[in-house]
Amino acid sequence: MKSFRIIISGVVQGVGFRYFCFKKAVEYNISGYAKNLINGDVEVIAQGEEGLVNDFVKELKIGPRYSNVKSVNMEKIDVEKEYPQFLIY
C-alpha cells in the first residue's frame, strides 16, 4: 500500500469537496482523510494501490459541480499510520 499527500487548490472549500473526496475514495478503495486547510486549500492523505490512487486523483482534478480546481499537487509520503477507512476532518 502506498501513501500520498495531495493538496488541492482553487475554489475547494464550501462546495462539498471533502464529501466528494469521500465518495470517490470509497469508489476507488482509498483510505486516509480529507481536511480543509486554513489557506483555503484541501489536504488529502490517500492510501491504497498506486494505480487506484492515480485514478482517484484524476477525479479530484475535476471536483464536484461547484468547485473550481486550480491545481493538484501530489507527493509520495512515508506514514507510520495506516487508515482503515477514509475520514473527513
N, C-alpha and C. Protein backbone atom coordinates (compact mmCIF):
# COMPACT_ATOMS: atom_id res chain seq x y z
N MET A 1 0.85 -1.19 0.00
CA MET A 1 0.00 0.00 0.00
C MET A 1 0.89 1.24 0.00
N LYS A 2 0.57 2.17 -0.87
CA LYS A 2 1.31 3.42 -0.99
C LYS A 2 0.53 4.54 -0.33
N SER A 3 1.24 5.55 0.15
CA SER A 3 0.61 6.72 0.78
C SER A 3 1.03 7.98 0.04
N PHE A 4 0.07 8.88 -0.13
CA PHE A 4 0.31 10.12 -0.85
C PHE A 4 -0.33 11.28 -0.11
N ARG A 5 0.34 12.43 -0.18
CA ARG A 5 -0.23 13.69 0.32
C ARG A 5 -0.60 14.51 -0.90
N ILE A 6 -1.85 14.94 -0.96
CA ILE A 6 -2.38 15.67 -2.11
C ILE A 6 -2.92 17.00 -1.61
N ILE A 7 -2.50 18.09 -2.24
CA ILE A 7 -3.00 19.42 -1.91
C ILE A 7 -3.78 19.92 -3.12
N ILE A 8 -5.05 20.25 -2.89
CA ILE A 8 -5.92 20.74 -3.95
C ILE A 8 -6.19 22.21 -3.69
N SER A 9 -5.92 23.06 -4.68
CA SER A 9 -6.11 24.50 -4.56
C SER A 9 -7.18 24.97 -5.53
N GLY A 10 -7.78 26.10 -5.19
CA GLY A 10 -8.82 26.70 -6.01
C GLY A 10 -10.05 26.95 -5.15
N VAL A 11 -11.21 26.91 -5.75
CA VAL A 11 -12.46 27.02 -5.00
C VAL A 11 -12.83 25.61 -4.58
N VAL A 12 -12.32 25.21 -3.40
CA VAL A 12 -12.48 23.84 -2.94
C VAL A 12 -13.02 23.74 -1.51
N GLN A 13 -13.36 24.87 -0.92
CA GLN A 13 -14.00 24.86 0.40
C GLN A 13 -15.39 25.46 0.27
N GLY A 14 -16.34 24.87 1.00
CA GLY A 14 -17.72 25.36 0.96
C GLY A 14 -18.49 24.90 -0.26
N VAL A 15 -17.94 23.91 -0.97
CA VAL A 15 -18.59 23.43 -2.20
C VAL A 15 -18.78 21.91 -2.19
N GLY A 16 -18.60 21.27 -1.02
CA GLY A 16 -18.77 19.82 -0.91
C GLY A 16 -17.57 19.02 -1.38
N PHE A 17 -16.40 19.64 -1.42
CA PHE A 17 -15.23 18.96 -1.96
C PHE A 17 -14.79 17.78 -1.10
N ARG A 18 -14.80 17.95 0.21
CA ARG A 18 -14.36 16.84 1.08
C ARG A 18 -15.31 15.66 0.99
N TYR A 19 -16.61 15.92 0.90
CA TYR A 19 -17.57 14.83 0.74
C TYR A 19 -17.37 14.15 -0.61
N PHE A 20 -17.08 14.94 -1.65
CA PHE A 20 -16.76 14.40 -2.97
C PHE A 20 -15.54 13.47 -2.86
N CYS A 21 -14.52 13.91 -2.12
CA CYS A 21 -13.34 13.07 -1.90
C CYS A 21 -13.73 11.75 -1.23
N PHE A 22 -14.58 11.85 -0.23
CA PHE A 22 -15.03 10.66 0.48
C PHE A 22 -15.72 9.68 -0.46
N LYS A 23 -16.66 10.18 -1.27
CA LYS A 23 -17.40 9.31 -2.19
C LYS A 23 -16.45 8.64 -3.18
N LYS A 24 -15.51 9.41 -3.72
CA LYS A 24 -14.56 8.85 -4.69
C LYS A 24 -13.59 7.88 -4.01
N ALA A 25 -13.21 8.16 -2.77
CA ALA A 25 -12.32 7.26 -2.04
C ALA A 25 -12.98 5.90 -1.84
N VAL A 26 -14.26 5.90 -1.50
CA VAL A 26 -14.99 4.64 -1.35
C VAL A 26 -15.02 3.91 -2.70
N GLU A 27 -15.29 4.65 -3.76
CA GLU A 27 -15.36 4.07 -5.11
C GLU A 27 -14.04 3.42 -5.52
N TYR A 28 -12.91 4.05 -5.16
CA TYR A 28 -11.60 3.56 -5.56
C TYR A 28 -10.86 2.78 -4.46
N ASN A 29 -11.56 2.48 -3.38
CA ASN A 29 -10.98 1.71 -2.27
C ASN A 29 -9.73 2.39 -1.69
N ILE A 30 -9.87 3.69 -1.44
CA ILE A 30 -8.79 4.51 -0.88
C ILE A 30 -9.10 4.81 0.58
N SER A 31 -8.10 4.69 1.43
CA SER A 31 -8.27 5.11 2.83
C SER A 31 -7.44 6.37 3.06
N GLY A 32 -7.68 7.00 4.20
CA GLY A 32 -6.97 8.24 4.52
C GLY A 32 -7.92 9.29 5.03
N TYR A 33 -7.72 10.54 4.60
CA TYR A 33 -8.61 11.60 5.04
C TYR A 33 -8.55 12.80 4.11
N ALA A 34 -9.55 13.67 4.27
CA ALA A 34 -9.58 14.98 3.61
C ALA A 34 -9.87 16.02 4.68
N LYS A 35 -9.14 17.13 4.63
CA LYS A 35 -9.42 18.21 5.59
C LYS A 35 -9.14 19.56 4.94
N ASN A 36 -9.90 20.56 5.39
CA ASN A 36 -9.68 21.93 4.95
C ASN A 36 -8.44 22.49 5.62
N LEU A 37 -7.68 23.25 4.86
CA LEU A 37 -6.53 23.97 5.41
C LEU A 37 -6.90 25.44 5.57
N ILE A 38 -6.23 26.11 6.47
CA ILE A 38 -6.55 27.50 6.79
C ILE A 38 -6.36 28.43 5.59
N ASN A 39 -5.51 28.06 4.64
CA ASN A 39 -5.26 28.91 3.47
C ASN A 39 -6.28 28.73 2.35
N GLY A 40 -7.29 27.89 2.58
CA GLY A 40 -8.34 27.69 1.58
C GLY A 40 -8.16 26.44 0.73
N ASP A 41 -7.04 25.75 0.89
CA ASP A 41 -6.81 24.51 0.16
C ASP A 41 -7.45 23.34 0.89
N VAL A 42 -7.45 22.19 0.24
CA VAL A 42 -7.86 20.94 0.88
C VAL A 42 -6.66 19.99 0.84
N GLU A 43 -6.39 19.36 1.98
CA GLU A 43 -5.33 18.35 2.06
C GLU A 43 -5.98 16.98 2.09
N VAL A 44 -5.45 16.08 1.28
CA VAL A 44 -5.91 14.69 1.26
C VAL A 44 -4.70 13.80 1.50
N ILE A 45 -4.86 12.87 2.42
CA ILE A 45 -3.91 11.76 2.56
C ILE A 45 -4.62 10.56 1.97
N ALA A 46 -4.00 9.96 0.96
CA ALA A 46 -4.61 8.83 0.26
C ALA A 46 -3.70 7.62 0.38
N GLN A 47 -4.27 6.51 0.83
CA GLN A 47 -3.53 5.26 0.93
C GLN A 47 -4.25 4.20 0.12
N GLY A 48 -3.49 3.49 -0.68
CA GLY A 48 -4.07 2.43 -1.49
C GLY A 48 -3.12 2.00 -2.58
N GLU A 49 -3.63 1.17 -3.46
CA GLU A 49 -2.86 0.72 -4.61
C GLU A 49 -2.55 1.93 -5.50
N GLU A 50 -1.32 2.05 -5.95
CA GLU A 50 -0.88 3.27 -6.65
C GLU A 50 -1.74 3.59 -7.88
N GLY A 51 -2.10 2.59 -8.65
CA GLY A 51 -2.94 2.83 -9.83
C GLY A 51 -4.30 3.38 -9.46
N LEU A 52 -4.88 2.86 -8.37
CA LEU A 52 -6.18 3.35 -7.92
C LEU A 52 -6.07 4.77 -7.36
N VAL A 53 -4.97 5.06 -6.67
CA VAL A 53 -4.77 6.42 -6.16
C VAL A 53 -4.65 7.39 -7.33
N ASN A 54 -3.95 7.00 -8.38
CA ASN A 54 -3.82 7.87 -9.56
C ASN A 54 -5.18 8.13 -10.20
N ASP A 55 -6.03 7.10 -10.28
CA ASP A 55 -7.38 7.29 -10.81
C ASP A 55 -8.21 8.20 -9.90
N PHE A 56 -8.06 8.04 -8.60
CA PHE A 56 -8.72 8.88 -7.60
C PHE A 56 -8.31 10.35 -7.79
N VAL A 57 -7.03 10.59 -8.00
CA VAL A 57 -6.53 11.95 -8.19
C VAL A 57 -7.08 12.57 -9.47
N LYS A 58 -7.26 11.78 -10.51
CA LYS A 58 -7.88 12.29 -11.74
C LYS A 58 -9.27 12.84 -11.45
N GLU A 59 -10.01 12.15 -10.58
CA GLU A 59 -11.35 12.61 -10.18
C GLU A 59 -11.25 13.91 -9.37
N LEU A 60 -10.25 14.00 -8.50
CA LEU A 60 -10.09 15.21 -7.68
C LEU A 60 -9.78 16.42 -8.55
N LYS A 61 -9.09 16.21 -9.65
CA LYS A 61 -8.77 17.31 -10.56
C LYS A 61 -10.03 17.90 -11.19
N ILE A 62 -11.07 17.10 -11.30
CA ILE A 62 -12.36 17.56 -11.82
C ILE A 62 -13.18 18.20 -10.70
N GLY A 63 -13.30 17.48 -9.57
CA GLY A 63 -14.01 18.00 -8.41
C GLY A 63 -15.52 17.98 -8.58
N PRO A 64 -16.24 18.37 -7.53
CA PRO A 64 -17.69 18.43 -7.60
C PRO A 64 -18.16 19.65 -8.40
N ARG A 65 -19.42 19.69 -8.65
CA ARG A 65 -20.05 20.67 -9.55
C ARG A 65 -19.64 22.12 -9.29
N TYR A 66 -19.69 22.58 -8.06
CA TYR A 66 -19.47 24.00 -7.78
C TYR A 66 -18.02 24.34 -7.43
N SER A 67 -17.15 23.36 -7.52
CA SER A 67 -15.73 23.64 -7.26
C SER A 67 -15.06 24.19 -8.51
N ASN A 68 -13.89 24.76 -8.32
CA ASN A 68 -13.06 25.21 -9.44
C ASN A 68 -11.61 24.90 -9.05
N VAL A 69 -11.17 23.70 -9.43
CA VAL A 69 -9.84 23.23 -9.06
C VAL A 69 -8.80 23.94 -9.92
N LYS A 70 -7.87 24.61 -9.26
CA LYS A 70 -6.79 25.32 -9.96
C LYS A 70 -5.54 24.45 -10.06
N SER A 71 -5.21 23.72 -8.98
CA SER A 71 -4.03 22.86 -9.02
C SER A 71 -4.18 21.69 -8.06
N VAL A 72 -3.51 20.61 -8.41
CA VAL A 72 -3.45 19.42 -7.57
C VAL A 72 -1.99 18.99 -7.50
N ASN A 73 -1.43 19.03 -6.31
CA ASN A 73 -0.04 18.63 -6.11
C ASN A 73 0.00 17.36 -5.27
N MET A 74 0.69 16.35 -5.78
CA MET A 74 0.73 15.05 -5.12
C MET A 74 2.17 14.64 -4.88
N GLU A 75 2.42 14.12 -3.67
CA GLU A 75 3.75 13.60 -3.35
C GLU A 75 3.60 12.30 -2.58
N LYS A 76 4.49 11.37 -2.85
CA LYS A 76 4.51 10.11 -2.11
C LYS A 76 5.11 10.39 -0.74
N ILE A 77 4.52 9.82 0.29
CA ILE A 77 5.00 10.04 1.65
C ILE A 77 5.14 8.71 2.38
N ASP A 78 5.94 8.72 3.43
CA ASP A 78 6.05 7.59 4.34
C ASP A 78 5.23 7.93 5.58
N VAL A 79 4.29 7.08 5.90
CA VAL A 79 3.48 7.30 7.10
C VAL A 79 3.53 6.06 7.97
N GLU A 80 3.51 6.29 9.26
CA GLU A 80 3.52 5.18 10.20
C GLU A 80 2.11 4.62 10.39
N LYS A 81 1.12 5.46 10.21
CA LYS A 81 -0.26 5.07 10.46
C LYS A 81 -0.94 4.63 9.17
N GLU A 82 -1.63 3.51 9.24
CA GLU A 82 -2.47 3.09 8.13
C GLU A 82 -3.92 3.37 8.53
N TYR A 83 -4.63 4.05 7.66
CA TYR A 83 -6.02 4.38 7.93
C TYR A 83 -6.91 3.24 7.45
N PRO A 84 -7.83 2.77 8.30
CA PRO A 84 -8.70 1.66 7.90
C PRO A 84 -9.83 2.10 6.96
N GLN A 85 -10.08 3.40 6.91
CA GLN A 85 -11.17 3.93 6.09
C GLN A 85 -10.81 5.36 5.69
N PHE A 86 -11.71 6.00 4.94
CA PHE A 86 -11.49 7.39 4.55
C PHE A 86 -12.32 8.28 5.45
N LEU A 87 -11.69 9.29 6.04
CA LEU A 87 -12.34 10.17 7.00
C LEU A 87 -12.40 11.59 6.47
N ILE A 88 -13.36 12.35 6.97
CA ILE A 88 -13.46 13.78 6.67
C ILE A 88 -13.21 14.53 7.97
N TYR A 89 -12.25 15.44 7.95
CA TYR A 89 -11.98 16.30 9.11
C TYR A 89 -12.42 17.70 8.81
